[in-house]
Protein backbone atom coordinates (compact mmCIF):
# COMPACT_ATOMS: atom_id res chain seq x y z
CA MET A 1 -1.43 -18.81 20.61
CA SER A 2 1.72 -19.65 22.50
CA THR A 3 4.89 -17.60 22.27
CA ARG A 4 6.74 -20.51 20.72
CA THR A 5 4.09 -20.88 17.99
CA LYS A 6 4.24 -17.16 17.23
CA TRP A 7 8.02 -17.40 16.91
CA MET A 8 7.79 -20.48 14.66
CA ILE A 9 5.33 -18.74 12.33
CA LEU A 10 6.74 -15.21 12.24
CA ALA A 11 10.42 -16.03 11.64
CA PRO A 12 10.05 -17.90 8.34
CA CYS A 13 7.23 -15.64 7.13
CA GLY A 14 9.35 -12.56 7.80
CA LEU A 15 12.30 -14.04 5.94
CA LEU A 16 10.11 -15.01 2.98
CA LEU A 17 8.53 -11.57 2.83
CA PHE A 18 11.94 -9.90 2.99
CA SER A 19 13.29 -12.15 0.22
CA PHE A 20 10.27 -11.52 -1.98
CA GLY A 21 10.73 -7.77 -1.45
CA LEU A 22 14.32 -8.04 -2.66
CA THR A 23 13.12 -9.93 -5.73
CA VAL A 24 10.57 -7.21 -6.52
CA LEU A 25 13.27 -4.58 -6.02
CA SER A 26 15.52 -6.29 -8.55
CA GLU A 27 12.57 -6.43 -10.97
CA ALA A 28 12.00 -2.69 -10.48
CA ALA A 29 15.68 -2.07 -11.23
CA HIS A 30 15.39 -4.21 -14.34
CA GLN A 31 12.30 -2.28 -15.49
CA ARG A 32 14.21 0.97 -15.06
CA ARG A 33 17.21 -0.37 -16.94
CA ILE A 34 15.20 -1.48 -19.98
CA GLY A 35 13.50 1.90 -20.23
CA GLU A 36 9.98 1.28 -18.94
CA PRO A 37 7.97 4.38 -17.98
CA THR A 38 8.92 5.94 -14.65
CA GLN A 39 5.54 5.18 -13.11
CA VAL A 40 6.00 1.42 -13.57
CA TRP A 41 9.37 1.01 -11.87
CA VAL A 42 8.61 3.56 -9.12
CA VAL A 43 5.45 1.69 -8.13
CA LEU A 44 7.38 -1.60 -8.15
CA GLY A 45 10.13 0.01 -6.07
CA LEU A 46 7.66 1.31 -3.51
CA TYR A 47 5.95 -2.07 -3.35
CA SER A 48 9.33 -3.70 -2.75
CA LEU A 49 10.08 -1.27 0.07
CA VAL A 50 6.78 -2.17 1.74
CA LEU A 51 7.58 -5.88 1.43
CA ILE A 52 11.15 -5.52 2.68
CA ASN A 53 10.16 -3.41 5.67
CA GLY A 54 7.23 -5.68 6.48
CA GLY A 55 9.53 -8.70 6.40
CA LEU A 56 12.05 -7.02 8.67
CA ILE A 57 9.31 -6.05 11.13
CA MET A 58 7.94 -9.59 11.18
CA PHE A 59 11.38 -11.06 11.71
CA GLY A 60 12.06 -8.52 14.47
CA GLU A 61 8.87 -9.58 16.22
CA ALA A 62 9.96 -13.21 15.89
CA LEU A 63 13.27 -12.34 17.53
CA ARG A 64 11.41 -10.62 20.36
CA PHE A 65 9.35 -13.76 20.97
CA ARG A 66 12.46 -15.94 20.88
CA ILE A 67 14.23 -13.74 23.42
CA LEU A 68 11.12 -13.86 25.61
CA LEU A 69 11.21 -17.66 25.46
CA ASP A 70 14.87 -17.72 26.49
CA VAL A 71 14.35 -15.25 29.34
CA ARG A 72 11.42 -17.25 30.69
CA ARG A 73 13.42 -20.47 30.52
CA GLU A 74 16.32 -18.90 32.43
CA ALA A 75 13.96 -17.43 35.04
CA ARG A 76 12.34 -20.83 35.62
CA ARG A 77 15.74 -22.49 35.86
CA SER A 78 17.02 -19.99 38.42
CA MET A 79 13.80 -20.26 40.44
CA ARG A 80 14.15 -24.06 40.57
CA GLN A 81 17.78 -23.73 41.71
CA LEU A 82 16.82 -21.22 44.35
CA LEU A 83 14.02 -23.47 45.62
CA ARG A 84 16.42 -26.40 45.79
CA LYS A 85 18.86 -24.31 47.84
CA VAL A 86 16.16 -23.15 50.22
CA ASN A 87 14.79 -26.68 50.61
CA THR A 88 18.20 -28.18 51.31
CA LYS A 89 19.03 -25.47 53.85
CA SER A 90 15.72 -25.92 55.64
CA SER A 91 16.10 -29.70 55.70
CA ASN A 92 19.67 -29.35 57.05
CA LYS A 93 18.45 -27.04 59.83
CA SER A 94 15.68 -29.42 60.81
CA LYS A 95 18.18 -32.31 60.93
CA SER A 96 20.64 -30.34 63.06
CA SER A 97 17.94 -29.25 65.52
CA LYS A 98 16.91 -32.86 66.11
CA LYS A 99 20.20 -34.16 67.41
CA ALA A 100 20.14 -37.86 68.02
CA LYS A 101 22.09 -39.33 70.88
CA SER A 102 25.12 -41.26 69.96
CA PRO A 103 24.74 -44.99 70.57
CA THR A 104 28.27 -45.18 71.96
CA LYS A 105 27.81 -42.42 74.51
CA THR A 106 26.48 -43.26 77.93
CA ASP A 107 25.25 -40.73 80.44
């Protein structure tokens, strides 16, 4: 799978997982507020922590892939510019070494 595809999949999935974790956390708080047994809202709270952290990890991985894409693009761009510079310098040297006689000059 390409880096771009990984980024396109992980970013929205991480955000969705994080958002769902926040929703479960609010449900756990609601369960606590209405007086449900401690076991119910603690389990919901722990589940929400797993979802929130998992979403953050997935989104962090997506950011890593995006940064990798940008770094690769910049490296390719700088390599192309460097090659252009080298090619123009070498073509200028070859032109200057092959001096043509001026048509107006006579020996």
